[in-house]
Every structure is written in structure tokens, then in C-alpha cells.
Full PDB file with SEQRES, HELIX, SHEET, SSBOND, CRYST1, ORIGX, SCALE, CONECT and MASTER records, all heavy atoms in Angstrom:
SEQRES   1 A   44  PRO GLY GLU THR GLY HIS ILE SER PHE SER LEU ASP PRO          
SEQRES   2 A   44  ARG SER PHE SER TYR PHE ASP VAL LYS SER SER SER TRP          
SEQRES   3 A   44  ARG ALA ASP ALA GLY ALA TYR ASP LEU THR LEU GLY ASP          
SEQRES   4 A   44  SER SER GLN ASP ASN                                          
HELIX    1 AA1 PRO A   13  PHE A   16  5                                   4    
SHEET    1 AA1 2 TYR A  18  ASP A  20  0                                        
SHEET    2 AA1 2 SER A  25  ARG A  27 -1                                        
CRYST1    1.000    1.000    1.000  90.00  90.00  90.00 P 1           1          
ORIGX1      1.000000  0.000000  0.000000        0.00000                         
ORIGX2      0.000000  1.000000  0.000000        0.00000                         
ORIGX3      0.000000  0.000000  1.000000        0.00000                         
SCALE1      1.000000  0.000000  0.000000        0.00000                         
SCALE2      0.000000  1.000000  0.000000        0.00000                         
SCALE3      0.000000  0.000000  1.000000        0.00000                         
ATOM      1  N   PRO A   1      12.121  77.344 -25.269  1.00  0.00           N  
ATOM      2  CA  PRO A   1      12.153  75.958 -25.780  1.00  0.00           C  
ATOM      3  C   PRO A   1      11.100  75.125 -25.112  1.00  0.00           C  
ATOM      4  O   PRO A   1      10.959  75.118 -23.899  1.00  0.00           O  
ATOM      5  CB  PRO A   1      13.588  75.537 -25.432  1.00  0.00           C  
ATOM      6  CG  PRO A   1      14.359  76.788 -25.333  1.00  0.00           C  
ATOM      7  CD  PRO A   1      13.397  77.804 -24.829  1.00  0.00           C  
ATOM      8  N   GLY A   2      10.365  74.371 -25.896  1.00  0.00           N  
ATOM      9  CA  GLY A   2       9.312  73.473 -25.320  1.00  0.00           C  
ATOM     10  C   GLY A   2       8.032  74.204 -24.929  1.00  0.00           C  
ATOM     11  O   GLY A   2       7.036  73.506 -24.544  1.00  0.00           O  
ATOM     12  N   GLU A   3       7.964  75.520 -24.983  1.00  0.00           N  
ATOM     13  CA  GLU A   3       6.784  76.240 -24.538  1.00  0.00           C  
ATOM     14  C   GLU A   3       5.749  76.300 -25.633  1.00  0.00           C  
ATOM     15  O   GLU A   3       6.070  76.360 -26.851  1.00  0.00           O  
ATOM     16  CB  GLU A   3       7.174  77.679 -24.151  1.00  0.00           C  
ATOM     17  CG  GLU A   3       5.995  78.511 -23.638  1.00  0.00           C  
ATOM     18  CD  GLU A   3       6.396  79.963 -23.330  1.00  0.00           C  
ATOM     19  OE1 GLU A   3       7.523  80.331 -23.657  1.00  0.00           O  
ATOM     20  OE2 GLU A   3       5.579  80.681 -22.793  1.00  0.00           O  
ATOM     21  N   THR A   4       4.473  76.236 -25.233  1.00  0.00           N  
ATOM     22  CA  THR A   4       3.401  76.356 -26.150  1.00  0.00           C  
ATOM     23  C   THR A   4       2.579  77.631 -25.846  1.00  0.00           C  
ATOM     24  O   THR A   4       2.263  77.915 -24.689  1.00  0.00           O  
ATOM     25  CB  THR A   4       2.396  75.146 -26.078  1.00  0.00           C  
ATOM     26  OG1 THR A   4       3.150  73.956 -26.486  1.00  0.00           O  
ATOM     27  CG2 THR A   4       1.195  75.313 -26.945  1.00  0.00           C  
ATOM     28  N   GLY A   5       2.299  78.403 -26.858  1.00  0.00           N  
ATOM     29  CA  GLY A   5       1.513  79.620 -26.692  1.00  0.00           C  
ATOM     30  C   GLY A   5       0.203  79.534 -27.491  1.00  0.00           C  
ATOM     31  O   GLY A   5       0.108  78.760 -28.411  1.00  0.00           O  
ATOM     32  N   HIS A   6      -0.756  80.385 -27.099  1.00  0.00           N  
ATOM     33  CA  HIS A   6      -2.060  80.387 -27.693  1.00  0.00           C  
ATOM     34  C   HIS A   6      -2.280  81.724 -28.376  1.00  0.00           C  
ATOM     35  O   HIS A   6      -2.006  82.774 -27.792  1.00  0.00           O  
ATOM     36  CB  HIS A   6      -3.127  80.165 -26.613  1.00  0.00           C  
ATOM     37  CG  HIS A   6      -4.514  79.932 -27.118  1.00  0.00           C  
ATOM     38  ND1 HIS A   6      -4.883  78.778 -27.743  1.00  0.00           N  
ATOM     39  CD2 HIS A   6      -5.595  80.764 -27.115  1.00  0.00           C  
ATOM     40  CE1 HIS A   6      -6.173  78.835 -28.096  1.00  0.00           C  
ATOM     41  NE2 HIS A   6      -6.607  80.041 -27.723  1.00  0.00           N  
ATOM     42  N   ILE A   7      -2.664  81.698 -29.633  1.00  0.00           N  
ATOM     43  CA  ILE A   7      -2.878  82.955 -30.349  1.00  0.00           C  
ATOM     44  C   ILE A   7      -4.306  82.943 -30.994  1.00  0.00           C  
ATOM     45  O   ILE A   7      -4.887  81.833 -31.172  1.00  0.00           O  
ATOM     46  CB  ILE A   7      -1.826  83.255 -31.414  1.00  0.00           C  
ATOM     47  CG1 ILE A   7      -1.774  82.130 -32.458  1.00  0.00           C  
ATOM     48  CG2 ILE A   7      -0.469  83.477 -30.817  1.00  0.00           C  
ATOM     49  CD1 ILE A   7      -0.794  82.432 -33.559  1.00  0.00           C  
ATOM     50  N   SER A   8      -4.783  84.088 -31.342  1.00  0.00           N  
ATOM     51  CA  SER A   8      -6.107  84.193 -31.968  1.00  0.00           C  
ATOM     52  C   SER A   8      -6.103  85.253 -33.094  1.00  0.00           C  
ATOM     53  O   SER A   8      -5.320  86.204 -33.026  1.00  0.00           O  
ATOM     54  CB  SER A   8      -7.209  84.499 -30.935  1.00  0.00           C  
ATOM     55  OG  SER A   8      -6.998  85.787 -30.410  1.00  0.00           O  
ATOM     56  N   PHE A   9      -6.995  85.054 -34.020  1.00  0.00           N  
ATOM     57  CA  PHE A   9      -7.205  86.003 -35.138  1.00  0.00           C  
ATOM     58  C   PHE A   9      -8.671  86.299 -35.196  1.00  0.00           C  
ATOM     59  O   PHE A   9      -9.518  85.459 -34.880  1.00  0.00           O  
ATOM     60  CB  PHE A   9      -6.839  85.314 -36.483  1.00  0.00           C  
ATOM     61  CG  PHE A   9      -5.449  84.738 -36.548  1.00  0.00           C  
ATOM     62  CD1 PHE A   9      -5.193  83.431 -36.133  1.00  0.00           C  
ATOM     63  CD2 PHE A   9      -4.363  85.500 -36.989  1.00  0.00           C  
ATOM     64  CE1 PHE A   9      -3.899  82.904 -36.211  1.00  0.00           C  
ATOM     65  CE2 PHE A   9      -3.102  84.977 -37.098  1.00  0.00           C  
ATOM     66  CZ  PHE A   9      -2.875  83.675 -36.699  1.00  0.00           C  
ATOM     67  N   SER A  10      -8.995  87.547 -35.578  1.00  0.00           N  
ATOM     68  CA  SER A  10     -10.364  87.959 -35.765  1.00  0.00           C  
ATOM     69  C   SER A  10     -10.671  88.150 -37.258  1.00  0.00           C  
ATOM     70  O   SER A  10      -9.928  88.922 -37.903  1.00  0.00           O  
ATOM     71  CB  SER A  10     -10.622  89.288 -35.002  1.00  0.00           C  
ATOM     72  OG  SER A  10     -10.525  89.082 -33.620  1.00  0.00           O  
ATOM     73  N   LEU A  11     -11.636  87.472 -37.765  1.00  0.00           N  
ATOM     74  CA  LEU A  11     -12.051  87.575 -39.133  1.00  0.00           C  
ATOM     75  C   LEU A  11     -13.416  88.221 -39.212  1.00  0.00           C  
ATOM     76  O   LEU A  11     -14.266  87.959 -38.358  1.00  0.00           O  
ATOM     77  CB  LEU A  11     -12.068  86.216 -39.834  1.00  0.00           C  
ATOM     78  CG  LEU A  11     -10.771  85.442 -39.849  1.00  0.00           C  
ATOM     79  CD1 LEU A  11     -10.931  84.095 -40.590  1.00  0.00           C  
ATOM     80  CD2 LEU A  11      -9.673  86.226 -40.509  1.00  0.00           C  
ATOM     81  N   ASP A  12     -13.656  89.058 -40.233  1.00  0.00           N  
ATOM     82  CA  ASP A  12     -14.909  89.687 -40.471  1.00  0.00           C  
ATOM     83  C   ASP A  12     -15.346  89.423 -41.906  1.00  0.00           C  
ATOM     84  O   ASP A  12     -14.617  88.775 -42.624  1.00  0.00           O  
ATOM     85  CB  ASP A  12     -14.857  91.181 -40.117  1.00  0.00           C  
ATOM     86  CG  ASP A  12     -13.809  91.958 -40.950  1.00  0.00           C  
ATOM     87  OD1 ASP A  12     -13.483  91.440 -42.043  1.00  0.00           O  
ATOM     88  OD2 ASP A  12     -13.419  93.023 -40.559  1.00  0.00           O  
ATOM     89  N   PRO A  13     -16.511  89.923 -42.373  1.00  0.00           N  
ATOM     90  CA  PRO A  13     -16.984  89.645 -43.721  1.00  0.00           C  
ATOM     91  C   PRO A  13     -15.974  90.017 -44.799  1.00  0.00           C  
ATOM     92  O   PRO A  13     -15.836  89.327 -45.805  1.00  0.00           O  
ATOM     93  CB  PRO A  13     -18.259  90.461 -43.837  1.00  0.00           C  
ATOM     94  CG  PRO A  13     -18.813  90.445 -42.435  1.00  0.00           C  
ATOM     95  CD  PRO A  13     -17.584  90.590 -41.565  1.00  0.00           C  
ATOM     96  N   ARG A  14     -15.188  91.083 -44.564  1.00  0.00           N  
ATOM     97  CA  ARG A  14     -14.193  91.477 -45.598  1.00  0.00           C  
ATOM     98  C   ARG A  14     -13.133  90.440 -45.742  1.00  0.00           C  
ATOM     99  O   ARG A  14     -12.488  90.339 -46.800  1.00  0.00           O  
ATOM    100  CB  ARG A  14     -13.537  92.839 -45.182  1.00  0.00           C  
ATOM    101  CG  ARG A  14     -14.367  94.036 -45.522  1.00  0.00           C  
ATOM    102  CD  ARG A  14     -14.311  94.386 -47.033  1.00  0.00           C  
ATOM    103  NE  ARG A  14     -12.964  94.599 -47.497  1.00  0.00           N  
ATOM    104  CZ  ARG A  14     -12.286  95.730 -47.427  1.00  0.00           C  
ATOM    105  NH1 ARG A  14     -12.882  96.805 -46.913  1.00  0.00           N  
ATOM    106  NH2 ARG A  14     -11.092  95.847 -47.945  1.00  0.00           N  
ATOM    107  N   SER A  15     -12.881  89.635 -44.708  1.00  0.00           N  
ATOM    108  CA  SER A  15     -11.863  88.592 -44.772  1.00  0.00           C  
ATOM    109  C   SER A  15     -12.206  87.511 -45.812  1.00  0.00           C  
ATOM    110  O   SER A  15     -11.346  86.761 -46.262  1.00  0.00           O  
ATOM    111  CB  SER A  15     -11.708  87.899 -43.393  1.00  0.00           C  
ATOM    112  OG  SER A  15     -11.410  88.862 -42.372  1.00  0.00           O  
ATOM    113  N   PHE A  16     -13.511  87.417 -46.125  1.00  0.00           N  
ATOM    114  CA  PHE A  16     -13.966  86.407 -47.071  1.00  0.00           C  
ATOM    115  C   PHE A  16     -14.409  87.006 -48.448  1.00  0.00           C  
ATOM    116  O   PHE A  16     -14.819  86.271 -49.349  1.00  0.00           O  
ATOM    117  CB  PHE A  16     -15.176  85.633 -46.494  1.00  0.00           C  
ATOM    118  CG  PHE A  16     -14.856  85.029 -45.200  1.00  0.00           C  
ATOM    119  CD1 PHE A  16     -15.129  85.664 -43.989  1.00  0.00           C  
ATOM    120  CD2 PHE A  16     -14.284  83.738 -45.117  1.00  0.00           C  
ATOM    121  CE1 PHE A  16     -14.844  85.089 -42.737  1.00  0.00           C  
ATOM    122  CE2 PHE A  16     -13.983  83.148 -43.900  1.00  0.00           C  
ATOM    123  CZ  PHE A  16     -14.310  83.830 -42.691  1.00  0.00           C  
ATOM    124  N   SER A  17     -14.244  88.327 -48.600  1.00  0.00           N  
ATOM    125  CA  SER A  17     -14.870  89.022 -49.699  1.00  0.00           C  
ATOM    126  C   SER A  17     -13.918  89.262 -50.887  1.00  0.00           C  
ATOM    127  O   SER A  17     -12.668  89.305 -50.755  1.00  0.00           O  
ATOM    128  CB  SER A  17     -15.339  90.407 -49.191  1.00  0.00           C  
ATOM    129  OG  SER A  17     -16.369  90.236 -48.239  1.00  0.00           O  
ATOM    130  N   TYR A  18     -14.561  89.503 -52.016  1.00  0.00           N  
ATOM    131  CA  TYR A  18     -13.886  90.043 -53.214  1.00  0.00           C  
ATOM    132  C   TYR A  18     -14.652  91.293 -53.591  1.00  0.00           C  
ATOM    133  O   TYR A  18     -15.788  91.517 -53.162  1.00  0.00           O  
ATOM    134  CB  TYR A  18     -13.929  89.019 -54.318  1.00  0.00           C  
ATOM    135  CG  TYR A  18     -15.324  88.612 -54.813  1.00  0.00           C  
ATOM    136  CD1 TYR A  18     -15.976  89.273 -55.812  1.00  0.00           C  
ATOM    137  CD2 TYR A  18     -15.997  87.534 -54.165  1.00  0.00           C  
ATOM    138  CE1 TYR A  18     -17.271  88.918 -56.195  1.00  0.00           C  
ATOM    139  CE2 TYR A  18     -17.235  87.146 -54.580  1.00  0.00           C  
ATOM    140  CZ  TYR A  18     -17.870  87.821 -55.580  1.00  0.00           C  
ATOM    141  OH  TYR A  18     -19.150  87.494 -55.947  1.00  0.00           O  
ATOM    142  N   PHE A  19     -14.050  92.172 -54.413  1.00  0.00           N  
ATOM    143  CA  PHE A  19     -14.706  93.386 -54.832  1.00  0.00           C  
ATOM    144  C   PHE A  19     -15.629  93.069 -56.030  1.00  0.00           C  
ATOM    145  O   PHE A  19     -15.172  92.591 -57.080  1.00  0.00           O  
ATOM    146  CB  PHE A  19     -13.691  94.483 -55.192  1.00  0.00           C  
ATOM    147  CG  PHE A  19     -14.404  95.769 -55.506  1.00  0.00           C  
ATOM    148  CD1 PHE A  19     -14.904  96.548 -54.473  1.00  0.00           C  
ATOM    149  CD2 PHE A  19     -14.510  96.246 -56.782  1.00  0.00           C  
ATOM    150  CE1 PHE A  19     -15.523  97.724 -54.692  1.00  0.00           C  
ATOM    151  CE2 PHE A  19     -15.141  97.438 -57.055  1.00  0.00           C  
ATOM    152  CZ  PHE A  19     -15.651  98.179 -55.993  1.00  0.00           C  
ATOM    153  N   ASP A  20     -16.924  93.305 -55.846  1.00  0.00           N  
ATOM    154  CA  ASP A  20     -17.889  93.070 -56.871  1.00  0.00           C  
ATOM    155  C   ASP A  20     -18.044  94.349 -57.684  1.00  0.00           C  
ATOM    156  O   ASP A  20     -18.632  95.344 -57.193  1.00  0.00           O  
ATOM    157  CB  ASP A  20     -19.249  92.647 -56.221  1.00  0.00           C  
ATOM    158  CG  ASP A  20     -20.316  92.342 -57.273  1.00  0.00           C  
ATOM    159  OD1 ASP A  20     -19.927  91.941 -58.383  1.00  0.00           O  
ATOM    160  OD2 ASP A  20     -21.473  92.486 -56.962  1.00  0.00           O  
ATOM    161  N   VAL A  21     -17.563  94.303 -58.921  1.00  0.00           N  
ATOM    162  CA  VAL A  21     -17.640  95.547 -59.772  1.00  0.00           C  
ATOM    163  C   VAL A  21     -19.031  95.966 -60.024  1.00  0.00           C  
ATOM    164  O   VAL A  21     -19.359  97.158 -60.050  1.00  0.00           O  
ATOM    165  CB  VAL A  21     -16.821  95.245 -61.090  1.00  0.00           C  
ATOM    166  CG1 VAL A  21     -16.932  96.451 -61.997  1.00  0.00           C  
ATOM    167  CG2 VAL A  21     -15.415  94.912 -60.765  1.00  0.00           C  
ATOM    168  N   LYS A  22     -19.951  95.047 -60.287  1.00  0.00           N  
ATOM    169  CA  LYS A  22     -21.328  95.405 -60.620  1.00  0.00           C  
ATOM    170  C   LYS A  22     -21.991  96.252 -59.535  1.00  0.00           C  
ATOM    171  O   LYS A  22     -22.743  97.168 -59.860  1.00  0.00           O  
ATOM    172  CB  LYS A  22     -22.145  94.144 -60.902  1.00  0.00           C  
ATOM    173  CG  LYS A  22     -21.774  93.424 -62.196  1.00  0.00           C  
ATOM    174  CD  LYS A  22     -22.620  92.208 -62.451  1.00  0.00           C  
ATOM    175  CE  LYS A  22     -22.194  91.498 -63.743  1.00  0.00           C  
ATOM    176  NZ  LYS A  22     -23.027  90.260 -63.919  1.00  0.00           N  
ATOM    177  N   SER A  23     -21.764  95.828 -58.266  1.00  0.00           N  
ATOM    178  CA  SER A  23     -22.473  96.562 -57.190  1.00  0.00           C  
ATOM    179  C   SER A  23     -21.544  97.545 -56.494  1.00  0.00           C  
ATOM    180  O   SER A  23     -21.957  98.270 -55.565  1.00  0.00           O  
ATOM    181  CB  SER A  23     -22.981  95.512 -56.174  1.00  0.00           C  
ATOM    182  OG  SER A  23     -21.897  94.828 -55.574  1.00  0.00           O  
ATOM    183  N   SER A  24     -20.305  97.664 -56.934  1.00  0.00           N  
ATOM    184  CA  SER A  24     -19.309  98.527 -56.300  1.00  0.00           C  
ATOM    185  C   SER A  24     -19.264  98.286 -54.761  1.00  0.00           C  
ATOM    186  O   SER A  24     -19.268  99.266 -54.005  1.00  0.00           O  
ATOM    187  CB  SER A  24     -19.581  99.996 -56.615  1.00  0.00           C  
ATOM    188  OG  SER A  24     -19.450 100.235 -57.975  1.00  0.00           O  
ATOM    189  N   SER A  25     -19.172  97.033 -54.403  1.00  0.00           N  
ATOM    190  CA  SER A  25     -19.173  96.694 -52.966  1.00  0.00           C  
ATOM    191  C   SER A  25     -18.345  95.398 -52.746  1.00  0.00           C  
ATOM    192  O   SER A  25     -17.996  94.749 -53.713  1.00  0.00           O  
ATOM    193  CB  SER A  25     -20.588  96.465 -52.384  1.00  0.00           C  
ATOM    194  OG  SER A  25     -21.193  95.376 -53.070  1.00  0.00           O  
ATOM    195  N   TRP A  26     -18.053  95.120 -51.500  1.00  0.00           N  
ATOM    196  CA  TRP A  26     -17.339  93.903 -51.124  1.00  0.00           C  
ATOM    197  C   TRP A  26     -18.347  92.788 -50.913  1.00  0.00           C  
ATOM    198  O   TRP A  26     -19.376  93.000 -50.255  1.00  0.00           O  
ATOM    199  CB  TRP A  26     -16.505  94.101 -49.881  1.00  0.00           C  
ATOM    200  CG  TRP A  26     -15.404  95.067 -50.050  1.00  0.00           C  
ATOM    201  CD1 TRP A  26     -15.376  96.367 -49.687  1.00  0.00           C  
ATOM    202  CD2 TRP A  26     -14.139  94.800 -50.681  1.00  0.00           C  
ATOM    203  NE1 TRP A  26     -14.171  96.962 -50.039  1.00  0.00           N  
ATOM    204  CE2 TRP A  26     -13.398  95.990 -50.638  1.00  0.00           C  
ATOM    205  CE3 TRP A  26     -13.580  93.648 -51.282  1.00  0.00           C  
ATOM    206  CZ2 TRP A  26     -12.128  96.087 -51.207  1.00  0.00           C  
ATOM    207  CZ3 TRP A  26     -12.345  93.720 -51.825  1.00  0.00           C  
ATOM    208  CH2 TRP A  26     -11.602  94.926 -51.756  1.00  0.00           C  
ATOM    209  N   ARG A  27     -18.154  91.652 -51.543  1.00  0.00           N  
ATOM    210  CA  ARG A  27     -19.141  90.541 -51.507  1.00  0.00           C  
ATOM    211  C   ARG A  27     -18.429  89.229 -51.074  1.00  0.00           C  
ATOM    212  O   ARG A  27     -17.396  88.874 -51.624  1.00  0.00           O  
ATOM    213  CB  ARG A  27     -19.765  90.343 -52.868  1.00  0.00           C  
ATOM    214  CG  ARG A  27     -20.789  89.180 -52.918  1.00  0.00           C  
ATOM    215  CD  ARG A  27     -21.398  89.065 -54.258  1.00  0.00           C  
ATOM    216  NE  ARG A  27     -22.275  87.920 -54.350  1.00  0.00           N  
ATOM    217  CZ  ARG A  27     -23.535  87.876 -53.907  1.00  0.00           C  
ATOM    218  NH1 ARG A  27     -24.099  88.898 -53.412  1.00  0.00           N  
ATOM    219  NH2 ARG A  27     -24.229  86.773 -54.012  1.00  0.00           N  
ATOM    220  N   ALA A  28     -19.032  88.560 -50.089  1.00  0.00           N  
ATOM    221  CA  ALA A  28     -18.612  87.246 -49.644  1.00  0.00           C  
ATOM    222  C   ALA A  28     -19.742  86.286 -50.013  1.00  0.00           C  
ATOM    223  O   ALA A  28     -20.862  86.426 -49.456  1.00  0.00           O  
ATOM    224  CB  ALA A  28     -18.296  87.249 -48.184  1.00  0.00           C  
ATOM    225  N   ASP A  29     -19.439  85.379 -50.908  1.00  0.00           N  
ATOM    226  CA  ASP A  29     -20.497  84.416 -51.338  1.00  0.00           C  
ATOM    227  C   ASP A  29     -20.688  83.325 -50.282  1.00  0.00           C  
ATOM    228  O   ASP A  29     -19.749  82.970 -49.546  1.00  0.00           O  
ATOM    229  CB  ASP A  29     -20.106  83.787 -52.669  1.00  0.00           C  
ATOM    230  CG  ASP A  29     -20.135  84.744 -53.829  1.00  0.00           C  
ATOM    231  OD1 ASP A  29     -20.944  85.679 -53.752  1.00  0.00           O  
ATOM    232  OD2 ASP A  29     -19.371  84.512 -54.800  1.00  0.00           O  
ATOM    233  N   ALA A  30     -21.893  82.855 -50.149  1.00  0.00           N  
ATOM    234  CA  ALA A  30     -22.167  81.742 -49.215  1.00  0.00           C  
ATOM    235  C   ALA A  30     -21.391  80.529 -49.685  1.00  0.00           C  
ATOM    236  O   ALA A  30     -21.122  80.321 -50.895  1.00  0.00           O  
ATOM    237  CB  ALA A  30     -23.674  81.430 -49.264  1.00  0.00           C  
ATOM    238  N   GLY A  31     -20.985  79.698 -48.752  1.00  0.00           N  
ATOM    239  CA  GLY A  31     -20.288  78.497 -49.142  1.00  0.00           C  
ATOM    240  C   GLY A  31     -19.139  78.176 -48.194  1.00  0.00           C  
ATOM    241  O   GLY A  31     -19.023  78.768 -47.123  1.00  0.00           O  
ATOM    242  N   ALA A  32     -18.314  77.237 -48.595  1.00  0.00           N  
ATOM    243  CA  ALA A  32     -17.197  76.712 -47.768  1.00  0.00           C  
ATOM    244  C   ALA A  32     -15.953  77.575 -48.064  1.00  0.00           C  
ATOM    245  O   ALA A  32     -15.635  77.910 -49.191  1.00  0.00           O  
ATOM    246  CB  ALA A  32     -16.929  75.292 -48.053  1.00  0.00           C  
ATOM    247  N   TYR A  33     -15.185  77.843 -46.990  1.00  0.00           N  
ATOM    248  CA  TYR A  33     -13.917  78.561 -47.040  1.00  0.00           C  
ATOM    249  C   TYR A  33     -12.898  77.752 -46.233  1.00  0.00           C  
ATOM    250  O   TYR A  33     -13.149  77.349 -45.119  1.00  0.00           O  
ATOM    251  CB  TYR A  33     -14.032  79.962 -46.503  1.00  0.00           C  
ATOM    252  CG  TYR A  33     -14.888  80.902 -47.377  1.00  0.00           C  
ATOM    253  CD1 TYR A  33     -16.265  80.857 -47.334  1.00  0.00           C  
ATOM    254  CD2 TYR A  33     -14.256  81.777 -48.217  1.00  0.00           C  
ATOM    255  CE1 TYR A  33     -17.027  81.690 -48.130  1.00  0.00           C  
ATOM    256  CE2 TYR A  33     -14.991  82.602 -49.000  1.00  0.00           C  
ATOM    257  CZ  TYR A  33     -16.390  82.571 -48.975  1.00  0.00           C  
ATOM    258  OH  TYR A  33     -17.131  83.406 -49.772  1.00  0.00           O  
ATOM    259  N   ASP A  34     -11.695  77.594 -46.828  1.00  0.00           N  
ATOM    260  CA  ASP A  34     -10.593  76.958 -46.155  1.00  0.00           C  
ATOM    261  C   ASP A  34      -9.732  77.952 -45.370  1.00  0.00           C  
ATOM    262  O   ASP A  34      -9.363  79.018 -45.972  1.00  0.00           O  
ATOM    263  CB  ASP A  34      -9.694  76.196 -47.157  1.00  0.00           C  
ATOM    264  CG  ASP A  34     -10.483  75.088 -47.821  1.00  0.00           C  
ATOM    265  OD1 ASP A  34     -11.316  74.407 -47.207  1.00  0.00           O  
ATOM    266  OD2 ASP A  34     -10.139  74.804 -49.009  1.00  0.00           O  
ATOM    267  N   LEU A  35      -9.480  77.682 -44.096  1.00  0.00           N  
ATOM    268  CA  LEU A  35      -8.579  78.460 -43.318  1.00  0.00           C  
ATOM    269  C   LEU A  35      -7.302  77.656 -43.174  1.00  0.00           C  
ATOM    270  O   LEU A  35      -7.299  76.561 -42.667  1.00  0.00           O  
ATOM    271  CB  LEU A  35      -9.162  78.779 -41.938  1.00  0.00           C  
ATOM    272  CG  LEU A  35     -10.553  79.393 -41.899  1.00  0.00           C  
ATOM    273  CD1 LEU A  35     -10.939  79.736 -40.474  1.00  0.00           C  
ATOM    274  CD2 LEU A  35     -10.646  80.623 -42.769  1.00  0.00           C  
ATOM    275  N   THR A  36      -6.153  78.197 -43.617  1.00  0.00           N  
ATOM    276  CA  THR A  36      -4.881  77.517 -43.611  1.00  0.00           C  
ATOM    277  C   THR A  36      -3.918  78.278 -42.734  1.00  0.00           C  
ATOM    278  O   THR A  36      -3.783  79.517 -42.844  1.00  0.00           O  
ATOM    279  CB  THR A  36      -4.294  77.420 -45.032  1.00  0.00           C  
ATOM    280  OG1 THR A  36      -5.323  76.834 -45.889  1.00  0.00           O  
ATOM    281  CG2 THR A  36      -3.094  76.534 -45.039  1.00  0.00           C  
ATOM    282  N   LEU A  37      -3.200  77.585 -41.866  1.00  0.00           N  
ATOM    283  CA  LEU A  37      -2.257  78.210 -40.954  1.00  0.00           C  
ATOM    284  C   LEU A  37      -0.853  77.618 -41.142  1.00  0.00           C  
ATOM    285  O   LEU A  37      -0.673  76.441 -41.314  1.00  0.00           O  
ATOM    286  CB  LEU A  37      -2.736  77.898 -39.485  1.00  0.00           C  
ATOM    287  CG  LEU A  37      -1.844  78.510 -38.393  1.00  0.00           C  
ATOM    288  CD1 LEU A  37      -2.065  80.010 -38.273  1.00  0.00           C  
ATOM    289  CD2 LEU A  37      -2.143  77.804 -37.031  1.00  0.00           C  
ATOM    290  N   GLY A  38       0.108  78.513 -41.092  1.00  0.00           N  
ATOM    291  CA  GLY A  38       1.502  78.116 -41.198  1.00  0.00           C  
ATOM    292  C   GLY A  38       2.406  79.291 -40.982  1.00  0.00           C  
ATOM    293  O   GLY A  38       1.966  80.292 -40.462  1.00  0.00           O  
ATOM    294  N   ASP A  39       3.713  79.178 -41.392  1.00  0.00           N  
ATOM    295  CA  ASP A  39       4.581  80.320 -41.221  1.00  0.00           C  
ATOM    296  C   ASP A  39       5.169  80.817 -42.521  1.00  0.00           C  
ATOM    297  O   ASP A  39       6.167  81.478 -42.562  1.00  0.00           O  
ATOM    298  CB  ASP A  39       5.694  80.047 -40.190  1.00  0.00           C  
ATOM    299  CG  ASP A  39       6.576  78.862 -40.571  1.00  0.00           C  
ATOM    300  OD1 ASP A  39       6.416  78.344 -41.684  1.00  0.00           O  
ATOM    301  OD2 ASP A  39       7.440  78.494 -39.731  1.00  0.00           O  
ATOM    302  N   SER A  40       4.453  80.461 -43.618  1.00  0.00           N  
ATOM    303  CA  SER A  40       4.738  81.070 -44.940  1.00  0.00           C  
ATOM    304  C   SER A  40       3.511  80.758 -45.792  1.00  0.00           C  
ATOM    305  O   SER A  40       2.618  79.999 -45.423  1.00  0.00           O  
ATOM    306  CB  SER A  40       6.005  80.532 -45.586  1.00  0.00           C  
ATOM    307  OG  SER A  40       5.803  79.278 -46.148  1.00  0.00           O  
ATOM    308  N   SER A  41       3.530  81.334 -47.038  1.00  0.00           N  
ATOM    309  CA  SER A  41       2.363  81.100 -47.923  1.00  0.00           C  
ATOM    310  C   SER A  41       2.326  79.648 -48.398  1.00  0.00           C  
ATOM    311  O   SER A  41       1.263  79.173 -48.899  1.00  0.00           O  
ATOM    312  CB  SER A  41       2.433  82.020 -49.106  1.00  0.00           C  
ATOM    313  OG  SER A  41       3.631  81.810 -49.861  1.00  0.00           O  
ATOM    314  N   GLN A  42       3.436  78.883 -48.282  1.00  0.00           N  
ATOM    315  CA  GLN A  42       3.425  77.500 -48.740  1.00  0.00           C  
ATOM    316  C   GLN A  42       3.533  76.482 -47.603  1.00  0.00           C  
ATOM    317  O   GLN A  42       3.507  75.311 -47.828  1.00  0.00           O  
ATOM    318  CB  GLN A  42       4.581  77.281 -49.728  1.00  0.00           C  
ATOM    319  CG  GLN A  42       4.366  78.006 -51.036  1.00  0.00           C  
ATOM    320  CD  GLN A  42       5.316  77.506 -52.088  1.00  0.00           C  
ATOM    321  OE1 GLN A  42       6.375  77.032 -51.816  1.00  0.00           O  
ATOM    322  NE2 GLN A  42       4.902  77.633 -53.361  1.00  0.00           N  
ATOM    323  N   ASP A  43       3.667  76.943 -46.328  1.00  0.00           N  
ATOM    324  CA  ASP A  43       3.738  76.068 -45.204  1.00  0.00           C  
ATOM    325  C   ASP A  43       2.358  75.868 -44.606  1.00  0.00           C  
ATOM    326  O   ASP A  43       1.911  76.647 -43.789  1.00  0.00           O  
ATOM    327  CB  ASP A  43       4.720  76.640 -44.174  1.00  0.00           C  
ATOM    328  CG  ASP A  43       4.746  75.761 -42.904  1.00  0.00           C  
ATOM    329  OD1 ASP A  43       4.856  74.528 -43.092  1.00  0.00           O  
ATOM    330  OD2 ASP A  43       4.742  76.334 -41.794  1.00  0.00           O  
ATOM    331  N   ASN A  44       1.677  74.838 -45.038  1.00  0.00           N  
ATOM    332  CA  ASN A  44       0.295  74.603 -44.641  1.00  0.00           C  
ATOM    333  C   ASN A  44       0.245  73.528 -43.531  1.00  0.00           C  
ATOM    334  O   ASN A  44       0.018  72.382 -43.807  1.00  0.00           O  
ATOM    335  CB  ASN A  44      -0.561  74.150 -45.819  1.00  0.00           C  
ATOM    336  CG  ASN A  44      -0.508  75.138 -46.985  1.00  0.00           C  
ATOM    337  OD1 ASN A  44      -0.486  76.311 -46.745  1.00  0.00           O  
ATOM    338  ND2 ASN A  44      -0.467  74.652 -48.194  1.00  0.00           N  
TER     339      ASN A  44                                                      
MASTER        0    0    0    1    2    0    0    6  338    1    0    4          
END                                                                             
């Protein structure tokens, strides 16, 4: 109770990528990406 902890995540190019069917590879487009943190998919 009352304690604060520090955590970290490691992201790589695949973390931003989608599968590009034309090149049969994973592609991350240049641009802005939002990183959202919470304890569920709707808790932002």
C-alpha cells in the first residue's frame, strides 16, 4: 500500500508494424504513433 514501482517495456520495429502483403514483410510506416498505458484495453 502506498508503494510506487518502476517498470519498463522494450519496443522494436515489429511493435509498430503491419504485414505488407505486396512485399511479404513487416512494415512500419514513418509518422506518429500513440503509446497508451493502463490496466485494460479501455483503461487509458
